[in-house]
Amino acid sequence: MLLQLQRLYHNVTSFQVIKLSIHTIFYHHLIVQRKILSVQYVLFRHNTI
C-alpha cells in the first residue's frame, strides 16, 4: 500500500515538473515572439519613413 502511494506520488510530481517545464518553454516562446515582432515593427516603421 505504501509503495503504491509512493509510486503515485512520484508520478504526480514528475507530471507537475513536466507541466511546469512546458509552461516555462511556452511562456519563453511567447516572449521571444513578441520581441521579434516588436523588432520587425520598428524596422518596418523605420523603412517606411
PDB file of N, CA and C in Angstrom:
ATOM      1  N   MET A   1       0.843  -1.206   0.000  1.00  0.00           N
ATOM      2  CA  MET A   1       0.000   0.000   0.000  1.00  0.00           C
ATOM      3  C   MET A   1       0.879   1.259   0.000  1.00  0.00           C
ATOM      4  N   LEU A   2       1.848   1.277   0.885  1.00  0.00           N
ATOM      5  CA  LEU A   2       2.745   2.428   0.976  1.00  0.00           C
ATOM      6  C   LEU A   2       3.543   2.603  -0.315  1.00  0.00           C
ATOM      7  N   LEU A   3       3.981   1.479  -0.870  1.00  0.00           N
ATOM      8  CA  LEU A   3       4.740   1.522  -2.118  1.00  0.00           C
ATOM      9  C   LEU A   3       3.889   2.115  -3.240  1.00  0.00           C
ATOM     10  N   GLN A   4       2.638   1.697  -3.291  1.00  0.00           N
ATOM     11  CA  GLN A   4       1.735   2.238  -4.320  1.00  0.00           C
ATOM     12  C   GLN A   4       1.570   3.744  -4.160  1.00  0.00           C
ATOM     13  N   LEU A   5       1.421   4.178  -2.913  1.00  0.00           N
ATOM     14  CA  LEU A   5       1.285   5.610  -2.652  1.00  0.00           C
ATOM     15  C   LEU A   5       2.530   6.365  -3.086  1.00  0.00           C
ATOM     16  N   GLN A   6       3.683   5.802  -2.761  1.00  0.00           N
ATOM     17  CA  GLN A   6       4.933   6.449  -3.158  1.00  0.00           C
ATOM     18  C   GLN A   6       5.045   6.535  -4.672  1.00  0.00           C
ATOM     19  N   ARG A   7       4.654   5.468  -5.334  1.00  0.00           N
ATOM     20  CA  ARG A   7       4.717   5.455  -6.791  1.00  0.00           C
ATOM     21  C   ARG A   7       3.772   6.507  -7.368  1.00  0.00           C
ATOM     22  N   LEU A   8       2.575   6.559  -6.832  1.00  0.00           N
ATOM     23  CA  LEU A   8       1.584   7.543  -7.276  1.00  0.00           C
ATOM     24  C   LEU A   8       2.118   8.958  -7.061  1.00  0.00           C
ATOM     25  N   TYR A   9       2.679   9.180  -5.883  1.00  0.00           N
ATOM     26  CA  TYR A   9       3.246  10.492  -5.563  1.00  0.00           C
ATOM     27  C   TYR A   9       4.351  10.853  -6.551  1.00  0.00           C
ATOM     28  N   HIS A  10       5.189   9.890  -6.853  1.00  0.00           N
ATOM     29  CA  HIS A  10       6.283  10.120  -7.797  1.00  0.00           C
ATOM     30  C   HIS A  10       5.725  10.474  -9.179  1.00  0.00           C
ATOM     31  N   ASN A  11       4.706   9.757  -9.620  1.00  0.00           N
ATOM     32  CA  ASN A  11       4.093  10.045 -10.922  1.00  0.00           C
ATOM     33  C   ASN A  11       3.505  11.444 -10.951  1.00  0.00           C
ATOM     34  N   VAL A  12       2.819  11.807  -9.891  1.00  0.00           N
ATOM     35  CA  VAL A  12       2.193  13.127  -9.809  1.00  0.00           C
ATOM     36  C   VAL A  12       3.256  14.225  -9.832  1.00  0.00           C
ATOM     37  N   THR A  13       4.318  14.046  -9.057  1.00  0.00           N
ATOM     38  CA  THR A  13       5.354  15.078  -9.017  1.00  0.00           C
ATOM     39  C   THR A  13       6.070  15.198 -10.352  1.00  0.00           C
ATOM     40  N   SER A  14       6.350  14.069 -10.997  1.00  0.00           N
ATOM     41  CA  SER A  14       7.011  14.139 -12.303  1.00  0.00           C
ATOM     42  C   SER A  14       6.087  14.803 -13.318  1.00  0.00           C
ATOM     43  N   PHE A  15       4.792  14.518 -13.228  1.00  0.00           N
ATOM     44  CA  PHE A  15       3.823  15.165 -14.109  1.00  0.00           C
ATOM     45  C   PHE A  15       3.815  16.674 -13.883  1.00  0.00           C
ATOM     46  N   GLN A  16       3.854  17.081 -12.613  1.00  0.00           N
ATOM     47  CA  GLN A  16       3.889  18.509 -12.283  1.00  0.00           C
ATOM     48  C   GLN A  16       5.133  19.168 -12.871  1.00  0.00           C
ATOM     49  N   VAL A  17       6.260  18.492 -12.758  1.00  0.00           N
ATOM     50  CA  VAL A  17       7.516  19.032 -13.283  1.00  0.00           C
ATOM     51  C   VAL A  17       7.425  19.190 -14.796  1.00  0.00           C
ATOM     52  N   ILE A  18       6.886  18.176 -15.466  1.00  0.00           N
ATOM     53  CA  ILE A  18       6.723  18.235 -16.924  1.00  0.00           C
ATOM     54  C   ILE A  18       5.806  19.395 -17.298  1.00  0.00           C
ATOM     55  N   LYS A  19       4.696  19.513 -16.565  1.00  0.00           N
ATOM     56  CA  LYS A  19       3.750  20.599 -16.828  1.00  0.00           C
ATOM     57  C   LYS A  19       4.420  21.958 -16.661  1.00  0.00           C
ATOM     58  N   LEU A  20       5.173  22.092 -15.590  1.00  0.00           N
ATOM     59  CA  LEU A  20       5.856  23.354 -15.301  1.00  0.00           C
ATOM     60  C   LEU A  20       6.864  23.690 -16.392  1.00  0.00           C
ATOM     61  N   SER A  21       7.629  22.701 -16.819  1.00  0.00           N
ATOM     62  CA  SER A  21       8.627  22.950 -17.865  1.00  0.00           C
ATOM     63  C   SER A  21       7.946  23.325 -19.174  1.00  0.00           C
ATOM     64  N   ILE A  22       6.825  22.676 -19.485  1.00  0.00           N
ATOM     65  CA  ILE A  22       6.079  23.018 -20.703  1.00  0.00           C
ATOM     66  C   ILE A  22       5.590  24.461 -20.618  1.00  0.00           C
ATOM     67  N   HIS A  23       5.047  24.834 -19.462  1.00  0.00           N
ATOM     68  CA  HIS A  23       4.586  26.213 -19.272  1.00  0.00           C
ATOM     69  C   HIS A  23       5.733  27.198 -19.446  1.00  0.00           C
ATOM     70  N   THR A  24       6.878  26.876 -18.858  1.00  0.00           N
ATOM     71  CA  THR A  24       8.039  27.760 -18.942  1.00  0.00           C
ATOM     72  C   THR A  24       8.493  27.931 -20.382  1.00  0.00           C
ATOM     73  N   ILE A  25       8.581  26.813 -21.105  1.00  0.00           N
ATOM     74  CA  ILE A  25       9.002  26.859 -22.511  1.00  0.00           C
ATOM     75  C   ILE A  25       8.011  27.681 -23.322  1.00  0.00           C
ATOM     76  N   PHE A  26       6.718  27.444 -23.091  1.00  0.00           N
ATOM     77  CA  PHE A  26       5.683  28.157 -23.833  1.00  0.00           C
ATOM     78  C   PHE A  26       5.758  29.660 -23.565  1.00  0.00           C
ATOM     79  N   TYR A  27       5.904  30.012 -22.289  1.00  0.00           N
ATOM     80  CA  TYR A  27       5.979  31.419 -21.891  1.00  0.00           C
ATOM     81  C   TYR A  27       7.197  32.089 -22.518  1.00  0.00           C
ATOM     82  N   HIS A  28       8.332  31.397 -22.462  1.00  0.00           N
ATOM     83  CA  HIS A  28       9.565  31.919 -23.046  1.00  0.00           C
ATOM     84  C   HIS A  28       9.387  32.118 -24.552  1.00  0.00           C
ATOM     85  N   HIS A  29       8.747  31.165 -25.188  1.00  0.00           N
ATOM     86  CA  HIS A  29       8.495  31.237 -26.628  1.00  0.00           C
ATOM     87  C   HIS A  29       7.652  32.471 -26.957  1.00  0.00           C
ATOM     88  N   LEU A  30       6.631  32.730 -26.146  1.00  0.00           N
ATOM     89  CA  LEU A  30       5.782  33.904 -26.364  1.00  0.00           C
ATOM     90  C   LEU A  30       6.588  35.192 -26.243  1.00  0.00           C
ATOM     91  N   ILE A  31       7.430  35.269 -25.233  1.00  0.00           N
ATOM     92  CA  ILE A  31       8.252  36.468 -25.024  1.00  0.00           C
ATOM     93  C   ILE A  31       9.165  36.686 -26.222  1.00  0.00           C
ATOM     94  N   VAL A  32       9.804  35.620 -26.678  1.00  0.00           N
ATOM     95  CA  VAL A  32      10.708  35.716 -27.829  1.00  0.00           C
ATOM     96  C   VAL A  32       9.938  36.176 -29.062  1.00  0.00           C
ATOM     97  N   GLN A  33       8.763  35.608 -29.275  1.00  0.00           N
ATOM     98  CA  GLN A  33       7.947  36.005 -30.423  1.00  0.00           C
ATOM     99  C   GLN A  33       7.586  37.483 -30.361  1.00  0.00           C
ATOM    100  N   ARG A  34       7.203  37.948 -29.184  1.00  0.00           N
ATOM    101  CA  ARG A  34       6.835  39.364 -29.039  1.00  0.00           C
ATOM    102  C   ARG A  34       8.030  40.263 -29.318  1.00  0.00           C
ATOM    103  N   LYS A  35       9.202  39.860 -28.845  1.00  0.00           N
ATOM    104  CA  LYS A  35      10.409  40.655 -29.106  1.00  0.00           C
ATOM    105  C   LYS A  35      10.683  40.722 -30.598  1.00  0.00           C
ATOM    106  N   ILE A  36      10.590  39.579 -31.271  1.00  0.00           N
ATOM    107  CA  ILE A  36      10.828  39.528 -32.719  1.00  0.00           C
ATOM    108  C   ILE A  36       9.818  40.421 -33.434  1.00  0.00           C
ATOM    109  N   LEU A  37       8.561  40.335 -33.021  1.00  0.00           N
ATOM    110  CA  LEU A  37       7.519  41.151 -33.649  1.00  0.00           C
ATOM    111  C   LEU A  37       7.787  42.635 -33.450  1.00  0.00           C
ATOM    112  N   SER A  38       8.169  43.018 -32.255  1.00  0.00           N
ATOM    113  CA  SER A  38       8.428  44.439 -31.994  1.00  0.00           C
ATOM    114  C   SER A  38       9.623  44.929 -32.807  1.00  0.00           C
ATOM    115  N   VAL A  39      10.649  44.098 -32.924  1.00  0.00           N
ATOM    116  CA  VAL A  39      11.818  44.473 -33.724  1.00  0.00           C
ATOM    117  C   VAL A  39      11.418  44.631 -35.189  1.00  0.00           C
ATOM    118  N   GLN A  40      10.635  43.690 -35.700  1.00  0.00           N
ATOM    119  CA  GLN A  40      10.170  43.776 -37.086  1.00  0.00           C
ATOM    120  C   GLN A  40       9.334  45.035 -37.293  1.00  0.00           C
ATOM    121  N   TYR A  41       8.495  45.335 -36.316  1.00  0.00           N
ATOM    122  CA  TYR A  41       7.641  46.522 -36.410  1.00  0.00           C
ATOM    123  C   TYR A  41       8.485  47.796 -36.481  1.00  0.00           C
ATOM    124  N   VAL A  42       9.488  47.874 -35.618  1.00  0.00           N
ATOM    125  CA  VAL A  42      10.373  49.045 -35.601  1.00  0.00           C
ATOM    126  C   VAL A  42      11.111  49.163 -36.932  1.00  0.00           C
ATOM    127  N   LEU A  43      11.619  48.049 -37.434  1.00  0.00           N
ATOM    128  CA  LEU A  43      12.324  48.061 -38.716  1.00  0.00           C
ATOM    129  C   LEU A  43      11.385  48.494 -39.837  1.00  0.00           C
ATOM    130  N   PHE A  44      10.176  47.982 -39.798  1.00  0.00           N
ATOM    131  CA  PHE A  44       9.192  48.327 -40.820  1.00  0.00           C
ATOM    132  C   PHE A  44       8.896  49.828 -40.800  1.00  0.00           C
ATOM    133  N   ARG A  45       8.661  50.365 -39.614  1.00  0.00           N
ATOM    134  CA  ARG A  45       8.384  51.805 -39.492  1.00  0.00           C
ATOM    135  C   ARG A  45       9.584  52.619 -39.954  1.00  0.00           C
ATOM    136  N   HIS A  46      10.757  52.160 -39.599  1.00  0.00           N
ATOM    137  CA  HIS A  46      11.980  52.876 -39.967  1.00  0.00           C
ATOM    138  C   HIS A  46      12.149  52.897 -41.493  1.00  0.00           C
ATOM    139  N   ASN A  47      11.782  51.807 -42.132  1.00  0.00           N
ATOM    140  CA  ASN A  47      11.919  51.720 -43.590  1.00  0.00           C
ATOM    141  C   ASN A  47      10.881  52.559 -44.321  1.00  0.00           C
ATOM    142  N   THR A  48       9.689  52.672 -43.732  1.00  0.00           N
ATOM    143  CA  THR A  48       8.626  53.402 -44.424  1.00  0.00           C
ATOM    144  C   THR A  48       8.806  54.906 -44.325  1.00  0.00           C
ATOM    145  N   ILE A  49       9.525  55.355 -43.316  1.00  0.00           N
ATOM    146  CA  ILE A  49       9.721  56.804 -43.142  1.00  0.00           C
ATOM    147  C   ILE A  49      10.711  57.330 -44.181  1.00  0.00           C
TER     148      ILE A  49
END
